[in-house]
Each structure stands twice: as C-alpha cells, then as structure tokens.
C-alpha cells in the first residue's frame, strides 16, 4: 500500500500575527531607545552622573564614536561599515527564519539583536556617535544604552541555544 505524503503548509509556516510579534519587538526596542536617547541628549549634561535606584544605576550622558567599549573610535567609517554589514547578515538570517514555525527562540534572540542594532546604527549615521546613558554601580567605567542590553540578551540566548542544542 502506498501512503501519500501531503505537505501541510500551515504546519510549516507561521501565521501573520506570529510574524508581527517579532517585527513589533524590533520596533518597540528601537522606539524606546530612540525616545530615551532623545531625552538624555536634551536634558542631561555630558559626563555628569546621577545615581538612581539607591545608586545601583548611574545615569550619565556619553557619546560613543567607536564600537563596543569605544573600540575603533578613531575610525568611525570602519565602525559604520562593520556595523551595517553585521546588521545585514543578521537581518538576512532573520528573514530566512521568520516565516518558519520552528526556531521561535532563535527568532526572539535575533529580534532583540536587530532592535538594538538598528537603534545604534541609526545613531551612528544620524549623529555620528551612539548615545550611551547608564552604567551599573559595579561597572562605573562602562556606559550602556537599552540597545546594548538588548544585543547582549539576544546574543546570550543564542549562546545558550548553541550550548543546549539537541543533537
């Protein structure tokens, strides 16, 4: 007896509302960080710190012209090229995975990375620097923004996925 294998396309691909969740997450991260950066630029003095949450978090306006930890700060053009190239690679991977039903956690991680990266890339091209605005009491010398945290969270999720991947 021959058994026909019918492909159920509805089981392979996500519904539009599921796809919109990931895209909306990217947009929310971008807009939230954009609004906070605009507030910081308009209302905070450069390098003047303000402690909040019992000193656990320090608000400080800082302009980062380089990559992470101001790496390559004297070669802004190269930082822009590298940032845009990496963003394009992650976006391509995301676009390939997005319509599929599997890899939901990977798509979530890539959404965090893309939202954060998009905000920082916008800053690099619009302002010529990335606006960073907070640090932790135990890391006073390193100033972050929400986008950096989202990129870190997405990257951390991907690392965990690769460690605990089913074999």
Foldseek 3Di string as FASTA:
>chain_A
DDDDDDDDVPQWWDDPVLLVVLVVLLVVLQVVLVVVLVCCVPPPDAQDWDADPVNFKIWHKDWQLAPFVNVPSVPSVVRLVVLVVVLVVLVVVLVVCRTTPPPPLLSNLSSLLNSLSVNQSCCCVVVVTGIFTMDGNVCVPGTHTSSVVSNVVSVVSVVVCVVPPDD
